[in-house]
C-alpha atoms as a PDB file:
ATOM      1  CA  MET A   1     -25.365  44.341 -28.451  1.00  0.00           C
ATOM      2  CA  PRO A   2     -22.047  42.890 -27.279  1.00  0.00           C
ATOM      3  CA  THR A   3     -22.988  43.651 -23.666  1.00  0.00           C
ATOM      4  CA  PRO A   4     -25.445  40.704 -23.274  1.00  0.00           C
ATOM      5  CA  VAL A   5     -22.895  38.323 -24.822  1.00  0.00           C
ATOM      6  CA  VAL A   6     -20.179  39.550 -22.476  1.00  0.00           C
ATOM      7  CA  ALA A   7     -22.568  39.257 -19.533  1.00  0.00           C
ATOM      8  CA  VAL A   8     -23.422  35.672 -20.484  1.00  0.00           C
ATOM      9  CA  LEU A   9     -19.742  34.775 -20.880  1.00  0.00           C
ATOM     10  CA  VAL A  10     -18.859  36.357 -17.544  1.00  0.00           C
ATOM     11  CA  GLY A  11     -21.787  34.534 -15.923  1.00  0.00           C
ATOM     12  CA  VAL A  12     -20.676  31.208 -17.374  1.00  0.00           C
ATOM     13  CA  LEU A  13     -17.105  31.827 -16.231  1.00  0.00           C
ATOM     14  CA  VAL A  14     -18.247  32.732 -12.712  1.00  0.00           C
ATOM     15  CA  VAL A  15     -20.442  29.622 -12.490  1.00  0.00           C
ATOM     16  CA  THR A  16     -17.572  27.487 -13.788  1.00  0.00           C
ATOM     17  CA  LEU A  17     -15.209  29.001 -11.234  1.00  0.00           C
ATOM     18  CA  VAL A  18     -17.683  28.411  -8.392  1.00  0.00           C
ATOM     19  CA  VAL A  19     -18.189  24.795  -9.472  1.00  0.00           C
ATOM     20  CA  PHE A  20     -14.425  24.308  -9.664  1.00  0.00           C
ATOM     21  CA  VAL A  21     -13.883  25.756  -6.167  1.00  0.00           C
ATOM     22  CA  VAL A  22     -16.666  23.594  -4.715  1.00  0.00           C
ATOM     23  CA  LEU A  23     -15.176  20.531  -6.411  1.00  0.00           C
ATOM     24  CA  VAL A  24     -11.727  21.276  -4.978  1.00  0.00           C
ATOM     25  CA  VAL A  25     -13.178  21.760  -1.481  1.00  0.00           C
ATOM     26  CA  VAL A  26     -15.081  18.469  -1.692  1.00  0.00           C
ATOM     27  CA  LEU A  27     -12.012  16.612  -2.939  1.00  0.00           C
ATOM     28  CA  VAL A  28      -9.805  18.057  -0.186  1.00  0.00           C
ATOM     29  CA  ARG A  29     -12.347  17.028   2.464  1.00  0.00           C
ATOM     30  CA  ARG A  30     -12.537  13.508   1.045  1.00  0.00           C
ATOM     31  CA  LEU A  31      -8.756  13.310   0.944  1.00  0.00           C
ATOM     32  CA  ALA A  32      -8.560  14.380   4.592  1.00  0.00           C
ATOM     33  CA  ARG A  33     -11.130  11.742   5.543  1.00  0.00           C
ATOM     34  CA  VAL A  34      -9.263   9.032   3.635  1.00  0.00           C
ATOM     35  CA  ALA A  35      -5.995  10.095   5.279  1.00  0.00           C
ATOM     36  CA  GLY A  36      -7.630   9.751   8.697  1.00  0.00           C
ATOM     37  CA  GLU A  37      -8.988   6.324   7.830  1.00  0.00           C
ATOM     38  CA  LEU A  38      -5.558   5.279   6.597  1.00  0.00           C
ATOM     39  CA  ARG A  39      -3.931   6.404   9.859  1.00  0.00           C
ATOM     40  CA  ALA A  40      -6.538   4.459  11.852  1.00  0.00           C
ATOM     41  CA  LEU A  41      -5.984   1.370   9.704  1.00  0.00           C
ATOM     42  CA  GLU A  42      -2.230   1.658  10.140  1.00  0.00           C
ATOM     43  CA  GLN A  43      -2.635   1.826  13.923  1.00  0.00           C
ATOM     44  CA  ARG A  44      -4.967  -1.157  13.859  1.00  0.00           C
ATOM     45  CA  ILE A  45      -2.753  -3.438  11.767  1.00  0.00           C
ATOM     46  CA  GLY A  46       0.634  -2.116  12.921  1.00  0.00           C
ATOM     47  CA  PRO A  47       1.166  -4.724  15.660  1.00  0.00           C
ATOM     48  CA  ALA A  48       0.224  -7.565  13.319  1.00  0.00           C
ATOM     49  CA  LEU A  49       2.639  -6.285  10.678  1.00  0.00           C
ATOM     50  CA  THR A  50       5.426  -6.100  13.250  1.00  0.00           C
ATOM     51  CA  GLU A  51       4.726  -9.678  14.308  1.00  0.00           C
ATOM     52  CA  LEU A  52       4.719 -10.832  10.685  1.00  0.00           C
ATOM     53  CA  GLN A  53       8.066  -9.140  10.079  1.00  0.00           C
ATOM     54  CA  ALA A  54       9.538 -10.918  13.093  1.00  0.00           C
ATOM     55  CA  ARG A  55       8.163 -14.265  11.912  1.00  0.00           C
ATOM     56  CA  ALA A  56       9.502 -13.626   8.413  1.00  0.00           C
ATOM     57  CA  ALA A  57      12.967 -12.959   9.839  1.00  0.00           C
ATOM     58  CA  LEU A  58      12.826 -16.228  11.791  1.00  0.00           C
ATOM     59  CA  ALA A  59      11.602 -18.154   8.744  1.00  0.00           C
ATOM     60  CA  SER A  60      14.334 -16.637   6.599  1.00  0.00           C
ATOM     61  CA  ALA A  61      16.996 -17.619   9.129  1.00  0.00           C
ATOM     62  CA  GLU A  62      15.601 -21.152   9.294  1.00  0.00           C
ATOM     63  CA  LEU A  63      15.550 -21.438   5.506  1.00  0.00           C
ATOM     64  CA  ASP A  64      19.143 -20.217   5.355  1.00  0.00           C
ATOM     65  CA  ARG A  65      20.144 -22.815   7.943  1.00  0.00           C
ATOM     66  CA  VAL A  66      18.375 -25.614   6.065  1.00  0.00           C
ATOM     67  CA  GLY A  67      19.868 -24.474   2.762  1.00  0.00           C
ATOM     68  CA  GLU A  68      23.363 -24.479   4.219  1.00  0.00           C
ATOM     69  CA  ALA A  69      22.774 -27.935   5.702  1.00  0.00           C
ATOM     70  CA  MET A  70      21.617 -29.249   2.333  1.00  0.00           C
ATOM     71  CA  ASP A  71      24.600 -27.705   0.576  1.00  0.00           C
ATOM     72  CA  SER A  72      26.968 -29.426   2.989  1.00  0.00           C
ATOM     73  CA  GLY A  73      25.648 -32.901   2.164  1.00  0.00           C
ATOM     74  CA  TRP A  74      22.612 -33.216   4.373  1.00  0.00           C
ATOM     75  CA  ARG A  75      21.125 -36.701   4.477  1.00  0.00           C
ATOM     76  CA  ASP A  76      17.406 -37.310   4.729  1.00  0.00           C
ATOM     77  CA  PRO A  77      17.014 -39.523   7.808  1.00  0.00           C
ATOM     78  CA  THR A  78      13.771 -41.030   6.461  1.00  0.00           C
ATOM     79  CA  ARG A  79      15.366 -42.190   3.207  1.00  0.00           C
ATOM     80  CA  GLY A  80      18.965 -42.694   4.150  1.00  0.00           C
ATOM     81  CA  ALA A  81      20.027 -41.133   0.861  1.00  0.00           C
ATOM     82  CA  ASP A  82      22.316 -38.216   0.202  1.00  0.00           C
ATOM     83  CA  ARG A  83      19.978 -35.511  -1.073  1.00  0.00           C
ATOM     84  CA  SER A  84      22.821 -33.369  -2.390  1.00  0.00           C
ATOM     85  CA  THR A  85      23.566 -35.863  -5.187  1.00  0.00           C
ATOM     86  CA  GLY A  86      20.032 -36.065  -6.412  1.00  0.00           C
END
C-alpha cells in the first residue's frame, strides 16, 4: 500500500515544482517589463533632471555668495542696518 502514498507525494511535488517554475517565469517577465518602463521613464525625465542639477548648482553658488556677503558685514539697503549684528 505505500505505492499510492508515494504516487500522491510525487504528484504533489511535481505540481508544486510546476507552480514554482511558472511563478518564477511570470516574475521574471514582470521584472523585465518594469525594467523597460524604468528605462523609458529615465529617458523621458533625463533632460529635466539635468536642467534641475544645473539650476541647483547656480542656486548653491548664489547662496554661497550671499552668505559670504552677509558674513562680511552686509547691510540691508532697505533698512540701513547692519544685519550681521542682529
